[in-house]
């Protein structure tokens, strides 16, 4: 399982004219089918009257075969959505969506021509798409004394952990998320910091 992967950090748009048809390709961050549908709705509003609105998406890690989907939106089967998805999968970028809008120009392209047309803008866009690294983090908890809190928070910050909640009672319960590779480092650092009295409970 991947512990980190690239995701889009900005949206990108490429426009081409191929044999009198206008193709407008959109690339964007997408972590669910619902988000894909929202973007698709916005595109249909901004580009009304198009012949087709084809899409493909990977809503998880680049190698996740469960959170994927595509649509030919009335084009011949296999000529748009699936080739678009194949291009996305070959880019090793996760949480990515693509929509290609086509305004038909009167010349039929054939299945092979459609495959090339629907993937051309995506290939160009992926070559220049701004990305950022997403680090997967897993839930964990830790109990410390009030006197230890500041040092513990500093340590978690150094290890790129994200504190999600703090509960104050006789001691402080800290709920946080941390990367797999940082878990061992945290365990060792806590032992050094507290002479062995502090331990984190990792859920995964």
C-alpha atoms as a PDB file:
ATOM      1  CA  UNK A   1       0.000   0.000   0.000  1.00  0.00           C
ATOM      2  CA  UNK A   2       1.249   3.471  -0.886  1.00  0.00           C
ATOM      3  CA  UNK A   3       2.054   5.690   2.114  1.00  0.00           C
ATOM      4  CA  UNK A   4       2.199   8.846  -0.015  1.00  0.00           C
ATOM      5  CA  UNK A   5       1.318   9.874  -3.556  1.00  0.00           C
ATOM      6  CA  UNK A   6       0.925  12.935  -5.756  1.00  0.00           C
ATOM      7  CA  UNK A   7      -2.418  14.716  -6.091  1.00  0.00           C
ATOM      8  CA  UNK A   8      -3.383  17.780  -8.188  1.00  0.00           C
ATOM      9  CA  UNK A   9      -2.742  21.066  -6.393  1.00  0.00           C
ATOM     10  CA  UNK A  10      -4.449  23.228  -9.046  1.00  0.00           C
ATOM     11  CA  UNK A  11      -7.033  22.814 -11.806  1.00  0.00           C
ATOM     12  CA  UNK A  12      -5.943  22.835 -15.441  1.00  0.00           C
ATOM     13  CA  UNK A  13      -7.770  23.403 -18.724  1.00  0.00           C
ATOM     14  CA  UNK A  14      -6.639  22.594 -22.283  1.00  0.00           C
ATOM     15  CA  UNK A  15      -8.602  23.486 -25.430  1.00  0.00           C
ATOM     16  CA  UNK A  16      -8.059  22.000 -28.910  1.00  0.00           C
ATOM     17  CA  UNK A  17      -9.795  21.946 -32.281  1.00  0.00           C
ATOM     18  CA  UNK A  18      -9.603  18.558 -34.006  1.00  0.00           C
ATOM     19  CA  UNK A  19     -11.260  18.183 -37.429  1.00  0.00           C
ATOM     20  CA  UNK A  20     -13.657  21.060 -36.705  1.00  0.00           C
ATOM     21  CA  UNK A  21     -14.723  19.630 -33.329  1.00  0.00           C
ATOM     22  CA  UNK A  22     -13.835  21.634 -30.238  1.00  0.00           C
ATOM     23  CA  UNK A  23     -12.439  19.602 -27.318  1.00  0.00           C
ATOM     24  CA  UNK A  24     -12.038  21.243 -23.890  1.00  0.00           C
ATOM     25  CA  UNK A  25     -10.199  19.112 -21.313  1.00  0.00           C
ATOM     26  CA  UNK A  26     -10.357  19.748 -17.561  1.00  0.00           C
ATOM     27  CA  UNK A  27      -8.107  18.202 -14.889  1.00  0.00           C
ATOM     28  CA  UNK A  28      -8.846  18.733 -11.190  1.00  0.00           C
ATOM     29  CA  UNK A  29      -8.562  17.299  -7.676  1.00  0.00           C
ATOM     30  CA  UNK A  30     -11.259  14.680  -7.059  1.00  0.00           C
ATOM     31  CA  UNK A  31     -11.584  12.444  -3.987  1.00  0.00           C
ATOM     32  CA  UNK A  32     -15.125  11.111  -4.542  1.00  0.00           C
ATOM     33  CA  UNK A  33     -17.761  10.447  -7.185  1.00  0.00           C
ATOM     34  CA  UNK A  34     -19.872  13.165  -5.541  1.00  0.00           C
ATOM     35  CA  UNK A  35     -17.113  15.721  -6.105  1.00  0.00           C
ATOM     36  CA  UNK A  36     -16.787  14.610  -9.742  1.00  0.00           C
ATOM     37  CA  UNK A  37     -20.529  15.160 -10.216  1.00  0.00           C
ATOM     38  CA  UNK A  38     -20.338  18.648  -8.687  1.00  0.00           C
ATOM     39  CA  UNK A  39     -17.523  19.655 -11.042  1.00  0.00           C
ATOM     40  CA  UNK A  40     -19.380  18.115 -13.991  1.00  0.00           C
ATOM     41  CA  UNK A  41     -22.497  20.137 -13.111  1.00  0.00           C
ATOM     42  CA  UNK A  42     -20.453  23.349 -13.019  1.00  0.00           C
ATOM     43  CA  UNK A  43     -18.824  22.562 -16.376  1.00  0.00           C
ATOM     44  CA  UNK A  44     -22.201  21.841 -17.998  1.00  0.00           C
ATOM     45  CA  UNK A  45     -23.441  25.194 -16.706  1.00  0.00           C
ATOM     46  CA  UNK A  46     -20.367  27.052 -17.990  1.00  0.00           C
ATOM     47  CA  UNK A  47     -20.241  25.185 -21.339  1.00  0.00           C
ATOM     48  CA  UNK A  48     -23.894  24.596 -22.303  1.00  0.00           C
ATOM     49  CA  UNK A  49     -25.061  22.868 -25.447  1.00  0.00           C
ATOM     50  CA  UNK A  50     -22.036  20.617 -25.976  1.00  0.00           C
ATOM     51  CA  UNK A  51     -22.463  17.308 -27.798  1.00  0.00           C
ATOM     52  CA  UNK A  52     -20.761  15.231 -25.071  1.00  0.00           C
ATOM     53  CA  UNK A  53     -19.397  15.611 -21.533  1.00  0.00           C
ATOM     54  CA  UNK A  54     -17.139  12.582 -21.023  1.00  0.00           C
ATOM     55  CA  UNK A  55     -15.289  11.938 -17.780  1.00  0.00           C
ATOM     56  CA  UNK A  56     -12.896   9.691 -15.878  1.00  0.00           C
ATOM     57  CA  UNK A  57     -11.688   9.764 -12.286  1.00  0.00           C
ATOM     58  CA  UNK A  58      -9.493   8.071  -9.682  1.00  0.00           C
ATOM     59  CA  UNK A  59     -10.861   9.033  -6.260  1.00  0.00           C
ATOM     60  CA  UNK A  60      -8.087   7.395  -4.210  1.00  0.00           C
ATOM     61  CA  UNK A  61      -4.465   6.349  -4.570  1.00  0.00           C
ATOM     62  CA  UNK A  62      -3.095   5.984  -8.134  1.00  0.00           C
ATOM     63  CA  UNK A  63      -3.109   2.168  -7.892  1.00  0.00           C
ATOM     64  CA  UNK A  64      -6.588   1.937  -6.314  1.00  0.00           C
ATOM     65  CA  UNK A  65      -8.816  -0.033  -8.677  1.00  0.00           C
ATOM     66  CA  UNK A  66     -11.957   0.356  -6.535  1.00  0.00           C
ATOM     67  CA  UNK A  67     -12.425   4.146  -6.470  1.00  0.00           C
ATOM     68  CA  UNK A  68     -12.448   4.711 -10.233  1.00  0.00           C
ATOM     69  CA  UNK A  69     -15.016   5.418 -12.914  1.00  0.00           C
ATOM     70  CA  UNK A  70     -15.598   6.745 -16.426  1.00  0.00           C
ATOM     71  CA  UNK A  71     -18.335   7.693 -18.882  1.00  0.00           C
ATOM     72  CA  UNK A  72     -18.514   7.883 -22.691  1.00  0.00           C
ATOM     73  CA  UNK A  73     -21.654  10.086 -22.456  1.00  0.00           C
ATOM     74  CA  UNK A  74     -23.123   8.877 -25.731  1.00  0.00           C
ATOM     75  CA  UNK A  75     -19.896   8.462 -27.701  1.00  0.00           C
ATOM     76  CA  UNK A  76     -19.227   4.937 -29.091  1.00  0.00           C
ATOM     77  CA  UNK A  77     -18.471   2.503 -26.260  1.00  0.00           C
ATOM     78  CA  UNK A  78     -14.818   2.550 -25.240  1.00  0.00           C
ATOM     79  CA  UNK A  79     -13.939   5.610 -27.319  1.00  0.00           C
ATOM     80  CA  UNK A  80     -13.760   8.241 -24.566  1.00  0.00           C
ATOM     81  CA  UNK A  81     -14.188   7.440 -20.860  1.00  0.00           C
ATOM     82  CA  UNK A  82     -12.079   4.292 -20.627  1.00  0.00           C
ATOM     83  CA  UNK A  83      -9.162   5.668 -22.693  1.00  0.00           C
ATOM     84  CA  UNK A  84      -9.278   8.809 -20.531  1.00  0.00           C
ATOM     85  CA  UNK A  85      -9.129   6.638 -17.398  1.00  0.00           C
ATOM     86  CA  UNK A  86      -6.179   4.690 -18.811  1.00  0.00           C
ATOM     87  CA  UNK A  87      -4.265   7.952 -19.324  1.00  0.00           C
ATOM     88  CA  UNK A  88      -4.986   9.014 -15.725  1.00  0.00           C
ATOM     89  CA  UNK A  89      -3.873   5.627 -14.398  1.00  0.00           C
ATOM     90  CA  UNK A  90      -0.634   5.880 -16.345  1.00  0.00           C
ATOM     91  CA  UNK A  91       0.201   9.242 -14.765  1.00  0.00           C
ATOM     92  CA  UNK A  92       0.732   7.866 -11.206  1.00  0.00           C
ATOM     93  CA  UNK A  93      -1.361  10.703  -9.746  1.00  0.00           C
ATOM     94  CA  UNK A  94      -4.127  10.031  -7.230  1.00  0.00           C
ATOM     95  CA  UNK A  95      -7.397  11.813  -6.406  1.00  0.00           C
ATOM     96  CA  UNK A  96      -7.705  13.175  -9.926  1.00  0.00           C
ATOM     97  CA  UNK A  97     -10.688  13.841 -12.150  1.00  0.00           C
ATOM     98  CA  UNK A  98     -10.930  14.631 -15.851  1.00  0.00           C
ATOM     99  CA  UNK A  99     -13.807  15.952 -17.949  1.00  0.00           C
ATOM    100  CA  UNK A 100     -13.613  16.479 -21.708  1.00  0.00           C
ATOM    101  CA  UNK A 101     -16.301  18.597 -23.359  1.00  0.00           C
ATOM    102  CA  UNK A 102     -16.885  18.111 -27.095  1.00  0.00           C
ATOM    103  CA  UNK A 103     -18.666  20.497 -29.419  1.00  0.00           C
ATOM    104  CA  UNK A 104     -19.265  18.451 -32.578  1.00  0.00           C
ATOM    105  CA  UNK A 105     -17.959  20.127 -35.716  1.00  0.00           C
ATOM    106  CA  UNK A 106     -19.617  18.000 -38.395  1.00  0.00           C
ATOM    107  CA  UNK A 107     -16.815  15.532 -39.179  1.00  0.00           C
ATOM    108  CA  UNK A 108     -16.946  11.999 -37.753  1.00  0.00           C
ATOM    109  CA  UNK A 109     -13.626  10.866 -36.263  1.00  0.00           C
ATOM    110  CA  UNK A 110     -14.157   7.109 -35.951  1.00  0.00           C
ATOM    111  CA  UNK A 111     -13.402   5.190 -32.754  1.00  0.00           C
ATOM    112  CA  UNK A 112      -9.621   5.452 -33.137  1.00  0.00           C
ATOM    113  CA  UNK A 113      -9.837   9.159 -33.869  1.00  0.00           C
ATOM    114  CA  UNK A 114     -12.099   9.699 -30.869  1.00  0.00           C
ATOM    115  CA  UNK A 115      -9.682   7.868 -28.560  1.00  0.00           C
ATOM    116  CA  UNK A 116      -6.845  10.115 -29.736  1.00  0.00           C
ATOM    117  CA  UNK A 117      -8.978  13.260 -29.479  1.00  0.00           C
ATOM    118  CA  UNK A 118     -10.299  12.542 -25.980  1.00  0.00           C
ATOM    119  CA  UNK A 119      -6.860  11.697 -24.603  1.00  0.00           C
ATOM    120  CA  UNK A 120      -4.764  14.343 -26.383  1.00  0.00           C
ATOM    121  CA  UNK A 121      -5.692  17.229 -24.088  1.00  0.00           C
ATOM    122  CA  UNK A 122      -5.302  15.060 -20.989  1.00  0.00           C
ATOM    123  CA  UNK A 123      -1.775  14.008 -21.969  1.00  0.00           C
ATOM    124  CA  UNK A 124      -0.810  17.640 -22.563  1.00  0.00           C
ATOM    125  CA  UNK A 125      -2.417  18.722 -19.309  1.00  0.00           C
ATOM    126  CA  UNK A 126      -0.829  15.996 -17.185  1.00  0.00           C
ATOM    127  CA  UNK A 127       2.613  17.025 -18.439  1.00  0.00           C
ATOM    128  CA  UNK A 128       2.150  20.476 -16.876  1.00  0.00           C
ATOM    129  CA  UNK A 129      -0.300  19.781 -14.022  1.00  0.00           C
ATOM    130  CA  UNK A 130       0.848  21.244 -10.656  1.00  0.00           C
ATOM    131  CA  UNK A 131       0.873  18.523  -7.968  1.00  0.00           C
ATOM    132  CA  UNK A 132       1.615  18.136  -4.283  1.00  0.00           C
ATOM    133  CA  UNK A 133       2.552  15.121  -2.156  1.00  0.00           C
ATOM    134  CA  UNK A 134      -0.209  13.624  -0.002  1.00  0.00           C
ATOM    135  CA  UNK A 135       1.055  11.780   3.064  1.00  0.00           C
ATOM    136  CA  UNK A 136      -1.340   9.165   4.424  1.00  0.00           C
ATOM    137  CA  UNK A 137      -1.877   9.504   8.169  1.00  0.00           C
ATOM    138  CA  UNK A 138      -3.430   7.033  10.607  1.00  0.00           C
ATOM    139  CA  UNK A 139      -5.323   7.702  13.868  1.00  0.00           C
ATOM    140  CA  UNK A 140      -3.573   7.422  17.233  1.00  0.00           C
ATOM    141  CA  UNK A 141      -3.992   8.583  20.832  1.00  0.00           C
ATOM    142  CA  UNK A 142      -1.595   9.579  23.575  1.00  0.00           C
ATOM    143  CA  UNK A 143      -2.044  10.516  27.255  1.00  0.00           C
ATOM    144  CA  UNK A 144       0.407  12.888  28.910  1.00  0.00           C
ATOM    145  CA  UNK A 145       0.721  15.144  31.960  1.00  0.00           C
ATOM    146  CA  UNK A 146       0.103  18.867  31.659  1.00  0.00           C
ATOM    147  CA  UNK A 147       3.817  19.449  32.229  1.00  0.00           C
ATOM    148  CA  UNK A 148       4.631  17.242  29.218  1.00  0.00           C
ATOM    149  CA  UNK A 149       2.028  18.702  26.841  1.00  0.00           C
ATOM    150  CA  UNK A 150       4.158  21.400  25.251  1.00  0.00           C
ATOM    151  CA  UNK A 151       7.039  19.003  24.488  1.00  0.00           C
ATOM    152  CA  UNK A 152       4.654  16.350  23.152  1.00  0.00           C
ATOM    153  CA  UNK A 153       2.927  18.852  20.845  1.00  0.00           C
ATOM    154  CA  UNK A 154       6.303  20.031  19.581  1.00  0.00           C
ATOM    155  CA  UNK A 155       7.356  16.434  18.898  1.00  0.00           C
ATOM    156  CA  UNK A 156       4.140  15.670  16.999  1.00  0.00           C
ATOM    157  CA  UNK A 157       4.632  18.805  14.912  1.00  0.00           C
ATOM    158  CA  UNK A 158       8.203  17.752  14.061  1.00  0.00           C
ATOM    159  CA  UNK A 159       6.913  14.377  12.858  1.00  0.00           C
ATOM    160  CA  UNK A 160       4.243  16.001  10.636  1.00  0.00           C
ATOM    161  CA  UNK A 161       1.391  14.616  12.745  1.00  0.00           C
ATOM    162  CA  UNK A 162      -1.988  16.374  12.803  1.00  0.00           C
ATOM    163  CA  UNK A 163      -3.670  16.839  16.192  1.00  0.00           C
ATOM    164  CA  UNK A 164      -7.427  16.308  15.784  1.00  0.00           C
ATOM    165  CA  UNK A 165      -8.596  16.694  19.390  1.00  0.00           C
ATOM    166  CA  UNK A 166      -7.384  17.327  22.943  1.00  0.00           C
ATOM    167  CA  UNK A 167      -9.335  16.339  26.056  1.00  0.00           C
ATOM    168  CA  UNK A 168      -8.346  17.866  29.382  1.00  0.00           C
ATOM    169  CA  UNK A 169      -9.014  16.034  32.665  1.00  0.00           C
ATOM    170  CA  UNK A 170      -6.536  14.771  35.272  1.00  0.00           C
ATOM    171  CA  UNK A 171      -4.227  14.250  32.305  1.00  0.00           C
ATOM    172  CA  UNK A 172      -4.400  15.330  28.653  1.00  0.00           C
ATOM    173  CA  UNK A 173      -5.666  12.885  26.013  1.00  0.00           C
ATOM    174  CA  UNK A 174      -4.343  13.840  22.580  1.00  0.00           C
ATOM    175  CA  UNK A 175      -5.977  12.428  19.450  1.00  0.00           C
ATOM    176  CA  UNK A 176      -3.855  12.762  16.322  1.00  0.00           C
ATOM    177  CA  UNK A 177      -3.049  11.275  12.921  1.00  0.00           C
ATOM    178  CA  UNK A 178       0.462  10.310  11.852  1.00  0.00           C
ATOM    179  CA  UNK A 179       2.201   8.612   8.927  1.00  0.00           C
ATOM    180  CA  UNK A 180       3.220   4.945   9.198  1.00  0.00           C
ATOM    181  CA  UNK A 181       6.902   5.730   8.774  1.00  0.00           C
ATOM    182  CA  UNK A 182       6.778   8.231  11.642  1.00  0.00           C
ATOM    183  CA  UNK A 183       5.160   5.831  14.138  1.00  0.00           C
ATOM    184  CA  UNK A 184       8.397   4.075  15.152  1.00  0.00           C
ATOM    185  CA  UNK A 185      10.202   7.409  15.419  1.00  0.00           C
ATOM    186  CA  UNK A 186       7.457   8.732  17.681  1.00  0.00           C
ATOM    187  CA  UNK A 187       7.631   5.673  19.940  1.00  0.00           C
ATOM    188  CA  UNK A 188      11.395   6.058  20.335  1.00  0.00           C
ATOM    189  CA  UNK A 189      11.201   9.820  20.873  1.00  0.00           C
ATOM    190  CA  UNK A 190       8.449   9.516  23.491  1.00  0.00           C
ATOM    191  CA  UNK A 191      10.480   6.944  25.415  1.00  0.00           C
ATOM    192  CA  UNK A 192      13.486   9.287  25.416  1.00  0.00           C
ATOM    193  CA  UNK A 193      11.382  12.304  26.365  1.00  0.00           C
ATOM    194  CA  UNK A 194       9.641  10.626  29.312  1.00  0.00           C
ATOM    195  CA  UNK A 195      12.076   7.912  30.474  1.00  0.00           C
ATOM    196  CA  UNK A 196       9.640   5.327  29.147  1.00  0.00           C
ATOM    197  CA  UNK A 197       6.414   6.615  30.735  1.00  0.00           C
ATOM    198  CA  UNK A 198       4.758   7.898  27.529  1.00  0.00           C
ATOM    199  CA  UNK A 199       3.362   5.557  24.884  1.00  0.00           C
ATOM    200  CA  UNK A 200       1.205   6.232  21.848  1.00  0.00           C
ATOM    201  CA  UNK A 201      -1.679   3.929  20.953  1.00  0.00           C
ATOM    202  CA  UNK A 202      -1.728   3.439  17.169  1.00  0.00           C
ATOM    203  CA  UNK A 203      -5.086   2.360  15.740  1.00  0.00           C
ATOM    204  CA  UNK A 204      -3.528   1.079  12.497  1.00  0.00           C
END
